[in-house]
Structure formats: structure tokens, C-alpha cells
Amino acid sequence: MKSKLVLVALLAGVVSLGGVLVYAVAGRRAASRPDLRVRAVAHQWWWEFDYPSLGIRTSDVLYLPSTKNVRLELSSADVIHSFWVVGMKDPIDLIPGKTRSVDLFLKSAGDLYGNCDSGCGCDTVCMRFRVLAKPPGQFQQWAAAERLQPTEFKPPRSTSAPACATDPQRDHHGPPHSPRTLLQRLLDAG
């Protein structure tokens, strides 16, 4: 009787371990086949987001579908940068010539803000970007509209001066509740 009990326990352990391994392998496969790949390239002092499968490029705004597996392929075009989005545990350091990948799954739609979190130059404060996470249907509508009538891709006018100071089209004040925005509102009101 004891040997049967030991055999059953052993089989149960092997089956459960096998289930964990299958789950882990299936999880890796899902991550290796993301629903969307986006290349994020840091430049002094702006961000480029390229959607190769969609034929779309944006600057300083990262559009993502919520509830989908997204792989970000992060790199730097010039100096050491860090990719950080509000709510991320740690920034991801980017070194010229190296690509780092991160898999994302945004549980819900919403707007987030990000920035370069390293001292990439005197104007690193200008390296802010928005993350617009949309429900999959709205993301597809945005992508279809971009393919039909693409917004002209415009990197900042000058790369020798801070982009946020030279390009009037850029948001100079950061997220709505950042200390910089609050200070700017006070200065604008005065």
C-alpha cells in the first residue's frame, strides 16, 4: 500500500512539473511571437518610434495597443540614454550599437509619460515622450489612418540644440502634473 502511495505521489509530482514546464515553454513562445514589434531609438534629444510591420514612424509619441503582447526593441543613435515610463520599476539603459528588448502587456488603455532617465547631455530634460495605449480596435483605426494619410515624420528641427527649445510643435512642459509643468504655468501666468 505504501509503495502505491509513493508511486502516485511521484507520478503526481512528475505530471505537475511537466505542466509547469509546458506552461513556461508556452509563455516563452508567446513572448517570442509578439502581436506587435516597435523599434524605439533614442536621439539627442528626442525619441523615434518605428513600427516596421505597419510602415509607420512617429517621434515622441509611442502608440500601443492595450491587451496585446508588444516587443519594444530599444537602441540609442548617439550616446547613452535610458528608457523609462512612469510606472516602470527601473529604467532600461541604452548603449549605442546595442539593442535591448522588453516585452510589454498593457492591461488597459490610457496615457502614460516617459523620458530619458540618464544624463545624456545638458538637455536630457527635453527627452520626454507620451505613451498612448489604445484598445486594439482604436489602435488599428489609428494605424489604418496613418497608412492612408501618413503624418509627415519630422524629427526635431535641430539636433545641435535642445529639441524642446527649437521645435514649437513639441510639448515643452512635460506631463500635466510634473514640477516643470507647474512651474511653467506659474511663469506663464505671471
N, C-alpha and C. Protein backbone atom coordinates (compact mmCIF):
# COMPACT_ATOMS: atom_id res chain seq x y z
N MET A 1 0.82 -1.19 0.00
CA MET A 1 0.00 0.00 0.00
C MET A 1 0.87 1.26 0.00
N LYS A 2 1.95 1.22 0.83
CA LYS A 2 2.84 2.37 0.89
C LYS A 2 3.50 2.62 -0.45
N SER A 3 3.90 1.55 -1.12
CA SER A 3 4.58 1.71 -2.41
C SER A 3 3.64 2.30 -3.45
N LYS A 4 2.35 1.95 -3.41
CA LYS A 4 1.38 2.52 -4.34
C LYS A 4 1.20 4.01 -4.07
N LEU A 5 1.16 4.37 -2.80
CA LEU A 5 1.01 5.77 -2.42
C LEU A 5 2.22 6.59 -2.86
N VAL A 6 3.41 6.04 -2.68
CA VAL A 6 4.63 6.70 -3.11
C VAL A 6 4.64 6.85 -4.62
N LEU A 7 4.21 5.81 -5.33
CA LEU A 7 4.16 5.84 -6.79
C LEU A 7 3.19 6.91 -7.28
N VAL A 8 2.01 6.99 -6.66
CA VAL A 8 1.01 8.01 -7.03
C VAL A 8 1.58 9.41 -6.77
N ALA A 9 2.21 9.61 -5.62
CA ALA A 9 2.79 10.91 -5.30
C ALA A 9 3.89 11.28 -6.29
N LEU A 10 4.70 10.32 -6.64
CA LEU A 10 5.78 10.54 -7.60
C LEU A 10 5.22 10.91 -8.97
N LEU A 11 4.20 10.17 -9.42
CA LEU A 11 3.56 10.47 -10.71
C LEU A 11 2.91 11.85 -10.69
N ALA A 12 2.25 12.18 -9.59
CA ALA A 12 1.62 13.50 -9.48
C ALA A 12 2.67 14.60 -9.57
N GLY A 13 3.80 14.39 -8.92
CA GLY A 13 4.89 15.36 -8.99
C GLY A 13 5.44 15.52 -10.38
N VAL A 14 5.64 14.41 -11.09
CA VAL A 14 6.16 14.45 -12.46
C VAL A 14 5.16 15.15 -13.37
N VAL A 15 3.87 14.83 -13.24
CA VAL A 15 2.85 15.45 -14.08
C VAL A 15 2.77 16.95 -13.81
N SER A 16 2.78 17.36 -12.54
CA SER A 16 2.70 18.79 -12.24
C SER A 16 3.95 19.53 -12.71
N LEU A 17 5.12 18.92 -12.56
CA LEU A 17 6.35 19.54 -13.05
C LEU A 17 6.30 19.67 -14.57
N GLY A 18 5.79 18.63 -15.23
CA GLY A 18 5.64 18.68 -16.69
C GLY A 18 4.71 19.80 -17.10
N GLY A 19 3.62 19.99 -16.33
CA GLY A 19 2.69 21.08 -16.61
C GLY A 19 3.35 22.43 -16.47
N VAL A 20 4.17 22.60 -15.45
CA VAL A 20 4.88 23.87 -15.25
C VAL A 20 5.83 24.12 -16.41
N LEU A 21 6.56 23.09 -16.84
CA LEU A 21 7.50 23.25 -17.95
C LEU A 21 6.77 23.59 -19.24
N VAL A 22 5.63 22.91 -19.50
CA VAL A 22 4.85 23.22 -20.71
C VAL A 22 4.37 24.66 -20.65
N TYR A 23 3.88 25.09 -19.47
CA TYR A 23 3.42 26.46 -19.30
C TYR A 23 4.56 27.45 -19.55
N ALA A 24 5.74 27.17 -19.02
CA ALA A 24 6.89 28.06 -19.19
C ALA A 24 7.29 28.14 -20.65
N VAL A 25 7.33 27.00 -21.34
CA VAL A 25 7.69 26.99 -22.76
C VAL A 25 6.63 27.72 -23.57
N ALA A 26 5.36 27.49 -23.27
CA ALA A 26 4.29 28.19 -23.99
C ALA A 26 4.39 29.69 -23.76
N GLY A 27 4.71 30.10 -22.52
CA GLY A 27 4.88 31.52 -22.22
C GLY A 27 6.03 32.12 -23.00
N ARG A 28 7.13 31.39 -23.13
CA ARG A 28 8.27 31.88 -23.91
C ARG A 28 7.90 32.00 -25.38
N ARG A 29 7.15 31.03 -25.89
CA ARG A 29 6.74 31.10 -27.29
C ARG A 29 5.86 32.31 -27.53
N ALA A 30 4.93 32.56 -26.60
CA ALA A 30 4.05 33.73 -26.75
C ALA A 30 4.88 35.01 -26.77
N ALA A 31 5.88 35.10 -25.90
CA ALA A 31 6.72 36.29 -25.86
C ALA A 31 7.60 36.38 -27.10
N SER A 32 7.99 35.24 -27.68
CA SER A 32 8.84 35.28 -28.87
C SER A 32 8.04 35.63 -30.12
N ARG A 33 6.72 35.57 -30.04
CA ARG A 33 5.86 35.95 -31.16
C ARG A 33 4.92 37.06 -30.71
N PRO A 34 5.44 38.26 -30.53
CA PRO A 34 4.57 39.34 -30.06
C PRO A 34 3.56 39.73 -31.13
N ASP A 35 2.47 40.35 -30.69
CA ASP A 35 1.46 40.84 -31.62
C ASP A 35 1.97 42.06 -32.39
N LEU A 36 2.90 42.79 -31.81
CA LEU A 36 3.44 44.00 -32.44
C LEU A 36 4.88 44.20 -31.99
N ARG A 37 5.73 44.60 -32.93
CA ARG A 37 7.11 44.99 -32.62
C ARG A 37 7.25 46.48 -32.91
N VAL A 38 7.90 47.17 -31.99
CA VAL A 38 8.15 48.60 -32.18
C VAL A 38 9.63 48.83 -31.88
N ARG A 39 10.30 49.54 -32.79
CA ARG A 39 11.69 49.94 -32.56
C ARG A 39 11.67 51.35 -31.97
N ALA A 40 12.28 51.50 -30.81
CA ALA A 40 12.39 52.81 -30.16
C ALA A 40 13.85 53.21 -30.19
N VAL A 41 14.13 54.35 -30.84
CA VAL A 41 15.51 54.81 -30.97
C VAL A 41 15.64 56.16 -30.26
N ALA A 42 16.56 56.22 -29.32
CA ALA A 42 16.83 57.46 -28.59
C ALA A 42 17.85 58.28 -29.37
N HIS A 43 17.54 59.57 -29.53
CA HIS A 43 18.45 60.53 -30.16
C HIS A 43 18.63 61.68 -29.18
N GLN A 44 19.73 62.42 -29.30
CA GLN A 44 19.82 63.65 -28.51
C GLN A 44 18.92 64.66 -29.22
N TRP A 45 17.88 65.05 -28.78
CA TRP A 45 17.13 64.96 -27.56
C TRP A 45 15.68 64.64 -27.87
N TRP A 46 15.45 63.52 -28.51
CA TRP A 46 14.11 63.12 -28.91
C TRP A 46 14.06 61.60 -29.10
N TRP A 47 12.84 61.08 -29.29
CA TRP A 47 12.61 59.64 -29.45
C TRP A 47 11.97 59.37 -30.80
N GLU A 48 12.43 58.31 -31.44
CA GLU A 48 11.85 57.84 -32.71
C GLU A 48 11.22 56.48 -32.45
N PHE A 49 9.96 56.32 -32.89
CA PHE A 49 9.26 55.04 -32.74
C PHE A 49 8.89 54.54 -34.13
N ASP A 50 9.39 53.37 -34.48
CA ASP A 50 9.21 52.78 -35.81
C ASP A 50 8.42 51.48 -35.67
N TYR A 51 7.37 51.35 -36.46
CA TYR A 51 6.51 50.17 -36.48
C TYR A 51 6.75 49.46 -37.81
N PRO A 52 7.77 48.60 -37.91
CA PRO A 52 8.15 48.02 -39.20
C PRO A 52 7.03 47.27 -39.91
N SER A 53 6.23 46.51 -39.19
CA SER A 53 5.17 45.74 -39.84
C SER A 53 4.03 46.62 -40.33
N LEU A 54 3.95 47.84 -39.82
CA LEU A 54 2.88 48.76 -40.21
C LEU A 54 3.35 49.84 -41.18
N GLY A 55 4.66 50.00 -41.32
CA GLY A 55 5.18 51.06 -42.19
C GLY A 55 4.94 52.45 -41.63
N ILE A 56 5.00 52.59 -40.31
CA ILE A 56 4.70 53.86 -39.64
C ILE A 56 5.89 54.25 -38.76
N ARG A 57 6.20 55.56 -38.74
CA ARG A 57 7.20 56.11 -37.83
C ARG A 57 6.61 57.33 -37.14
N THR A 58 6.89 57.47 -35.86
CA THR A 58 6.44 58.65 -35.11
C THR A 58 7.62 59.19 -34.31
N SER A 59 7.48 60.43 -33.88
CA SER A 59 8.51 61.00 -32.99
C SER A 59 7.83 61.47 -31.72
N ASP A 60 8.39 61.04 -30.60
CA ASP A 60 7.98 61.47 -29.27
C ASP A 60 6.60 61.01 -28.81
N VAL A 61 5.90 60.21 -29.61
CA VAL A 61 4.63 59.61 -29.19
C VAL A 61 4.68 58.13 -29.55
N LEU A 62 4.52 57.28 -28.54
CA LEU A 62 4.53 55.84 -28.72
C LEU A 62 3.10 55.34 -28.61
N TYR A 63 2.53 54.90 -29.73
CA TYR A 63 1.17 54.36 -29.76
C TYR A 63 1.26 52.85 -29.56
N LEU A 64 0.46 52.32 -28.64
CA LEU A 64 0.47 50.89 -28.36
C LEU A 64 -0.95 50.37 -28.20
N PRO A 65 -1.19 49.12 -28.61
CA PRO A 65 -2.49 48.51 -28.33
C PRO A 65 -2.48 47.93 -26.92
N SER A 66 -3.55 48.17 -26.18
CA SER A 66 -3.65 47.53 -24.86
C SER A 66 -4.07 46.08 -25.06
N THR A 67 -3.86 45.28 -24.07
CA THR A 67 -4.21 43.85 -24.04
C THR A 67 -3.58 43.04 -25.17
N LYS A 68 -2.45 43.48 -25.65
CA LYS A 68 -1.69 42.75 -26.68
C LYS A 68 -0.24 42.64 -26.24
N ASN A 69 0.44 41.60 -26.72
CA ASN A 69 1.87 41.44 -26.44
C ASN A 69 2.66 42.33 -27.39
N VAL A 70 3.46 43.22 -26.83
CA VAL A 70 4.26 44.16 -27.62
C VAL A 70 5.72 43.97 -27.25
N ARG A 71 6.56 43.88 -28.26
CA ARG A 71 8.00 43.85 -28.02
C ARG A 71 8.59 45.19 -28.45
N LEU A 72 9.24 45.87 -27.50
CA LEU A 72 9.97 47.09 -27.80
C LEU A 72 11.43 46.72 -27.99
N GLU A 73 11.99 47.13 -29.13
CA GLU A 73 13.42 46.93 -29.41
C GLU A 73 14.06 48.30 -29.25
N LEU A 74 14.80 48.48 -28.18
CA LEU A 74 15.32 49.77 -27.76
C LEU A 74 16.78 49.93 -28.15
N SER A 75 17.13 51.11 -28.68
CA SER A 75 18.53 51.38 -29.02
C SER A 75 18.79 52.88 -28.92
N SER A 76 20.07 53.23 -29.01
CA SER A 76 20.49 54.62 -28.97
C SER A 76 21.25 54.94 -30.25
N ALA A 77 20.97 56.11 -30.81
CA ALA A 77 21.65 56.53 -32.04
C ALA A 77 22.94 57.28 -31.77
N ASP A 78 23.18 57.72 -30.51
CA ASP A 78 24.32 58.59 -30.31
C ASP A 78 25.06 58.39 -28.98
N VAL A 79 24.42 58.60 -27.86
CA VAL A 79 25.09 58.49 -26.55
C VAL A 79 24.28 57.55 -25.65
N ILE A 80 24.73 57.35 -24.44
CA ILE A 80 23.98 56.51 -23.50
C ILE A 80 22.69 57.22 -23.10
N HIS A 81 21.59 56.52 -23.23
CA HIS A 81 20.27 57.01 -22.84
C HIS A 81 19.64 55.97 -21.92
N SER A 82 18.51 56.33 -21.30
CA SER A 82 17.71 55.38 -20.53
C SER A 82 16.26 55.56 -20.91
N PHE A 83 15.58 54.45 -21.16
CA PHE A 83 14.16 54.45 -21.48
C PHE A 83 13.39 54.18 -20.20
N TRP A 84 12.51 55.10 -19.84
CA TRP A 84 11.73 54.92 -18.62
C TRP A 84 10.33 55.47 -18.83
N VAL A 85 9.32 54.69 -18.42
CA VAL A 85 7.93 55.10 -18.47
C VAL A 85 7.42 55.13 -17.03
N VAL A 86 6.63 56.16 -16.71
CA VAL A 86 6.06 56.27 -15.37
C VAL A 86 5.36 54.95 -15.04
N GLY A 87 5.71 54.38 -13.91
CA GLY A 87 5.14 53.10 -13.50
C GLY A 87 6.07 51.93 -13.72
N MET A 88 7.08 52.10 -14.58
CA MET A 88 8.07 51.03 -14.76
C MET A 88 8.95 50.98 -13.52
N LYS A 89 9.33 49.78 -13.14
CA LYS A 89 10.17 49.62 -11.95
C LYS A 89 11.52 50.30 -12.13
N ASP A 90 12.21 49.99 -13.20
CA ASP A 90 13.55 50.53 -13.42
C ASP A 90 13.68 51.03 -14.85
N PRO A 91 14.50 52.06 -15.07
CA PRO A 91 14.79 52.47 -16.44
C PRO A 91 15.65 51.41 -17.14
N ILE A 92 15.60 51.42 -18.46
CA ILE A 92 16.40 50.48 -19.26
C ILE A 92 17.50 51.29 -19.93
N ASP A 93 18.74 50.99 -19.59
CA ASP A 93 19.87 51.72 -20.15
C ASP A 93 20.11 51.30 -21.60
N LEU A 94 20.37 52.30 -22.45
CA LEU A 94 20.61 52.08 -23.87
C LEU A 94 22.01 52.55 -24.22
N ILE A 95 22.78 51.68 -24.85
CA ILE A 95 24.16 51.97 -25.23
C ILE A 95 24.24 51.96 -26.75
N PRO A 96 24.87 52.97 -27.36
CA PRO A 96 24.98 52.99 -28.82
C PRO A 96 25.54 51.67 -29.36
N GLY A 97 24.94 51.17 -30.43
CA GLY A 97 25.40 49.94 -31.06
C GLY A 97 24.80 48.68 -30.47
N LYS A 98 24.04 48.78 -29.39
CA LYS A 98 23.42 47.62 -28.74
C LYS A 98 21.90 47.78 -28.79
N THR A 99 21.20 46.66 -28.94
CA THR A 99 19.74 46.67 -28.90
C THR A 99 19.28 45.89 -27.69
N ARG A 100 18.36 46.46 -26.95
CA ARG A 100 17.75 45.77 -25.80
C ARG A 100 16.28 45.60 -26.10
N SER A 101 15.74 44.47 -25.73
CA SER A 101 14.32 44.20 -25.97
C SER A 101 13.59 44.08 -24.64
N VAL A 102 12.36 44.55 -24.64
CA VAL A 102 11.49 44.40 -23.48
C VAL A 102 10.10 44.05 -24.00
N ASP A 103 9.48 43.07 -23.37
CA ASP A 103 8.12 42.67 -23.73
C ASP A 103 7.14 43.35 -22.79
N LEU A 104 6.10 43.95 -23.39
CA LEU A 104 5.09 44.67 -22.62
C LEU A 104 3.72 44.04 -22.84
N PHE A 105 2.90 44.13 -21.83
CA PHE A 105 1.49 43.78 -21.94
C PHE A 105 0.75 44.80 -21.10
N LEU A 106 0.09 45.74 -21.75
CA LEU A 106 -0.64 46.78 -21.04
C LEU A 106 -2.06 46.28 -20.78
N LYS A 107 -2.43 46.18 -19.53
CA LYS A 107 -3.73 45.60 -19.16
C LYS A 107 -4.91 46.46 -19.58
N SER A 108 -4.69 47.77 -19.67
CA SER A 108 -5.79 48.65 -20.02
C SER A 108 -5.28 49.83 -20.83
N ALA A 109 -6.21 50.51 -21.47
CA ALA A 109 -5.88 51.69 -22.26
C ALA A 109 -5.59 52.86 -21.32
N GLY A 110 -4.87 53.84 -21.82
CA GLY A 110 -4.58 55.03 -21.03
C GLY A 110 -3.39 55.77 -21.58
N ASP A 111 -3.12 56.93 -21.01
CA ASP A 111 -1.99 57.76 -21.41
C ASP A 111 -0.93 57.70 -20.32
N LEU A 112 0.30 57.50 -20.74
CA LEU A 112 1.43 57.47 -19.82
C LEU A 112 2.49 58.43 -20.34
N TYR A 113 3.44 58.73 -19.51
CA TYR A 113 4.55 59.58 -19.92
C TYR A 113 5.86 58.87 -19.64
N GLY A 114 6.84 59.17 -20.47
CA GLY A 114 8.16 58.60 -20.30
C GLY A 114 9.22 59.63 -20.57
N ASN A 115 10.44 59.26 -20.29
CA ASN A 115 11.55 60.16 -20.54
C ASN A 115 12.86 59.39 -20.52
N CYS A 116 13.92 60.09 -20.92
CA CYS A 116 15.26 59.55 -20.78
C CYS A 116 15.66 59.81 -19.33
N ASP A 117 16.10 58.77 -18.67
CA ASP A 117 16.41 58.88 -17.25
C ASP A 117 17.91 58.84 -17.00
N SER A 118 18.69 59.32 -17.98
CA SER A 118 20.14 59.37 -17.79
C SER A 118 20.63 60.77 -18.15
N GLY A 119 21.82 61.06 -17.80
CA GLY A 119 22.40 62.36 -18.13
C GLY A 119 23.02 62.33 -19.52
N CYS A 120 22.18 62.32 -20.55
CA CYS A 120 22.67 62.15 -21.92
C CYS A 120 23.14 63.46 -22.54
N GLY A 121 23.15 64.49 -21.78
CA GLY A 121 23.58 65.79 -22.28
C GLY A 121 22.89 66.87 -21.49
N CYS A 122 23.22 68.10 -21.79
CA CYS A 122 22.68 69.19 -20.99
C CYS A 122 21.18 69.35 -21.15
N ASP A 123 20.60 68.76 -22.18
CA ASP A 123 19.17 68.93 -22.43
C ASP A 123 18.40 67.62 -22.34
N THR A 124 18.85 66.74 -21.47
CA THR A 124 18.15 65.46 -21.29
C THR A 124 16.71 65.67 -20.83
N VAL A 125 16.43 66.81 -20.18
CA VAL A 125 15.08 67.11 -19.73
C VAL A 125 14.11 67.20 -20.90
N CYS A 126 14.62 67.47 -22.10
CA CYS A 126 13.77 67.58 -23.28
C CYS A 126 13.33 66.23 -23.83
N MET A 127 13.92 65.16 -23.33
CA MET A 127 13.65 63.83 -23.90
C MET A 127 12.42 63.17 -23.28
N ARG A 128 11.31 63.86 -23.33
CA ARG A 128 10.05 63.31 -22.85
C ARG A 128 9.29 62.71 -24.03
N PHE A 129 8.45 61.74 -23.73
CA PHE A 129 7.57 61.19 -24.76
C PHE A 129 6.27 60.75 -24.11
N ARG A 130 5.25 60.58 -24.94
CA ARG A 130 3.95 60.09 -24.47
C ARG A 130 3.76 58.67 -24.93
N VAL A 131 3.09 57.89 -24.12
CA VAL A 131 2.66 56.55 -24.49
C VAL A 131 1.14 56.58 -24.52
N LEU A 132 0.58 56.38 -25.71
CA LEU A 132 -0.87 56.35 -25.86
C LEU A 132 -1.29 54.90 -26.07
N ALA A 133 -1.80 54.28 -25.03
CA ALA A 133 -2.27 52.90 -25.11
C ALA A 133 -3.76 52.93 -25.42
N LYS A 134 -4.11 52.34 -26.55
CA LYS A 134 -5.49 52.35 -27.02
C LYS A 134 -6.03 50.93 -27.07
N PRO A 135 -7.35 50.76 -26.92
CA PRO A 135 -7.92 49.43 -27.14
C PRO A 135 -7.54 48.96 -28.54
N PRO A 136 -7.41 47.65 -28.76
CA PRO A 136 -6.94 47.15 -30.06
C PRO A 136 -7.68 47.72 -31.27
N GLY A 137 -8.99 47.86 -31.18
CA GLY A 137 -9.75 48.41 -32.31
C GLY A 137 -9.36 49.84 -32.63
N GLN A 138 -9.22 50.66 -31.59
CA GLN A 138 -8.81 52.06 -31.80
C GLN A 138 -7.38 52.14 -32.30
N PHE A 139 -6.51 51.25 -31.82
CA PHE A 139 -5.14 51.22 -32.31
C PHE A 139 -5.13 50.89 -33.80
N GLN A 140 -5.92 49.91 -34.22
CA GLN A 140 -5.99 49.54 -35.64
C GLN A 140 -6.53 50.70 -36.48
N GLN A 141 -7.51 51.43 -35.95
CA GLN A 141 -8.03 52.60 -36.67
C GLN A 141 -6.94 53.65 -36.84
N TRP A 142 -6.18 53.91 -35.79
CA TRP A 142 -5.08 54.87 -35.88
C TRP A 142 -4.07 54.42 -36.93
N ALA A 143 -3.69 53.13 -36.89
CA ALA A 143 -2.69 52.61 -37.84
C ALA A 143 -3.21 52.71 -39.27
N ALA A 144 -4.48 52.38 -39.49
CA ALA A 144 -5.05 52.46 -40.84
C ALA A 144 -5.06 53.91 -41.33
N ALA A 145 -5.42 54.84 -40.46
CA ALA A 145 -5.43 56.25 -40.85
C ALA A 145 -4.02 56.73 -41.17
N GLU A 146 -3.03 56.31 -40.40
CA GLU A 146 -1.64 56.69 -40.65
C GLU A 146 -1.15 56.13 -41.99
N ARG A 147 -1.58 54.93 -42.32
CA ARG A 147 -1.15 54.34 -43.61
C ARG A 147 -1.81 55.04 -44.78
N LEU A 148 -3.08 55.45 -44.62
CA LEU A 148 -3.78 56.13 -45.71
C LEU A 148 -3.26 57.55 -45.92
N GLN A 149 -3.12 58.28 -44.85
CA GLN A 149 -2.62 59.66 -44.92
C GLN A 149 -1.56 59.83 -43.85
N PRO A 150 -0.35 59.37 -44.14
CA PRO A 150 0.68 59.42 -43.10
C PRO A 150 1.00 60.84 -42.68
N THR A 151 1.16 60.99 -41.38
CA THR A 151 1.65 62.25 -40.85
C THR A 151 3.12 62.33 -41.24
N GLU A 152 3.53 63.48 -41.76
CA GLU A 152 4.92 63.62 -42.16
C GLU A 152 5.81 63.41 -40.95
N PHE A 153 6.76 62.48 -41.09
CA PHE A 153 7.68 62.20 -39.98
C PHE A 153 8.64 63.36 -39.88
N LYS A 154 8.65 64.02 -38.73
CA LYS A 154 9.51 65.18 -38.54
C LYS A 154 10.35 65.02 -37.29
N PRO A 155 11.63 64.69 -37.47
CA PRO A 155 12.49 64.78 -36.30
C PRO A 155 12.61 66.25 -35.92
N PRO A 156 13.07 66.55 -34.73
CA PRO A 156 13.23 67.96 -34.34
C PRO A 156 14.05 68.73 -35.37
N ARG A 157 13.80 70.02 -35.46
CA ARG A 157 14.45 70.85 -36.47
C ARG A 157 15.96 70.86 -36.35
N SER A 158 16.45 70.79 -35.15
CA SER A 158 17.89 70.86 -34.94
C SER A 158 18.31 69.80 -33.96
N THR A 159 19.42 69.16 -34.25
CA THR A 159 19.95 68.20 -33.28
C THR A 159 21.15 68.79 -32.56
N SER A 160 21.50 70.03 -32.88
CA SER A 160 22.63 70.65 -32.20
C SER A 160 22.18 71.51 -31.02
N ALA A 161 20.88 71.70 -30.89
CA ALA A 161 20.32 72.46 -29.77
C ALA A 161 19.19 71.63 -29.18
N PRO A 162 18.77 71.94 -27.98
CA PRO A 162 17.71 71.14 -27.39
C PRO A 162 16.45 71.17 -28.25
N ALA A 163 15.97 69.99 -28.60
CA ALA A 163 14.81 69.88 -29.47
C ALA A 163 13.59 70.56 -28.86
N CYS A 164 13.43 70.47 -27.57
CA CYS A 164 12.24 71.06 -26.97
C CYS A 164 12.30 72.58 -26.99
N ALA A 165 13.48 73.15 -27.19
CA ALA A 165 13.60 74.60 -27.25
C ALA A 165 13.49 75.12 -28.67
N THR A 166 13.76 74.28 -29.68
CA THR A 166 13.81 74.76 -31.05
C THR A 166 12.59 74.39 -31.87
N ASP A 167 11.77 73.46 -31.40
CA ASP A 167 10.64 73.00 -32.19
C ASP A 167 9.34 73.40 -31.51
N PRO A 168 8.63 74.39 -32.07
CA PRO A 168 7.41 74.87 -31.42
C PRO A 168 6.29 73.83 -31.42
N GLN A 169 6.39 72.77 -32.22
CA GLN A 169 5.36 71.74 -32.26
C GLN A 169 5.44 70.79 -31.08
N ARG A 170 6.56 70.78 -30.38
CA ARG A 170 6.73 69.82 -29.28
C ARG A 170 6.14 70.36 -27.99
N ASP A 171 5.74 69.43 -27.15
CA ASP A 171 5.22 69.77 -25.82
C ASP A 171 6.40 70.14 -24.94
N HIS A 172 6.51 71.41 -24.61
CA HIS A 172 7.66 71.88 -23.84
C HIS A 172 7.50 71.68 -22.34
N HIS A 173 6.34 71.34 -21.91
CA HIS A 173 6.08 71.40 -20.48
C HIS A 173 5.93 70.05 -19.80
N GLY A 174 6.03 68.96 -20.52
CA GLY A 174 6.00 67.65 -19.88
C GLY A 174 4.62 67.22 -19.46
N PRO A 175 4.54 66.17 -18.66
CA PRO A 175 3.26 65.67 -18.19
C PRO A 175 2.49 66.76 -17.44
N PRO A 176 1.16 66.68 -17.43
CA PRO A 176 0.36 67.77 -16.88
C PRO A 176 0.65 68.10 -15.42
N HIS A 177 1.15 67.15 -14.64
CA HIS A 177 1.36 67.42 -13.22
C HIS A 177 2.83 67.38 -12.83
N SER A 178 3.71 67.49 -13.80
CA SER A 178 5.13 67.45 -13.46
C SER A 178 5.53 68.78 -12.81
N PRO A 179 6.57 68.77 -11.99
CA PRO A 179 7.03 70.03 -11.39
C PRO A 179 7.36 71.08 -12.45
N ARG A 180 7.93 70.63 -13.58
CA ARG A 180 8.28 71.56 -14.66
C ARG A 180 7.02 72.22 -15.21
N THR A 181 5.94 71.45 -15.40
CA THR A 181 4.69 72.00 -15.92
C THR A 181 4.10 73.00 -14.94
N LEU A 182 4.07 72.65 -13.67
CA LEU A 182 3.51 73.55 -12.67
C LEU A 182 4.31 74.85 -12.61
N LEU A 183 5.64 74.75 -12.67
CA LEU A 183 6.48 75.94 -12.68
C LEU A 183 6.22 76.76 -13.93
N GLN A 184 6.09 76.11 -15.09
CA GLN A 184 5.84 76.83 -16.33
C GLN A 184 4.50 77.55 -16.28
N ARG A 185 3.48 76.90 -15.71
CA ARG A 185 2.17 77.56 -15.58
C ARG A 185 2.28 78.81 -14.72
N LEU A 186 3.05 78.73 -13.64
CA LEU A 186 3.24 79.90 -12.79
C LEU A 186 3.96 81.01 -13.55
N LEU A 187 4.98 80.64 -14.32
CA LEU A 187 5.72 81.64 -15.10
C LEU A 187 4.84 82.24 -16.18
N ASP A 188 4.03 81.41 -16.86
CA ASP A 188 3.15 81.90 -17.91
C ASP A 188 2.08 82.84 -17.34
N ALA A 189 1.61 82.55 -16.13
CA ALA A 189 0.56 83.35 -15.51
C ALA A 189 1.08 84.69 -15.00
N GLY A 190 2.38 84.73 -14.69
CA GLY A 190 2.98 85.93 -14.09
C GLY A 190 3.27 86.96 -15.09
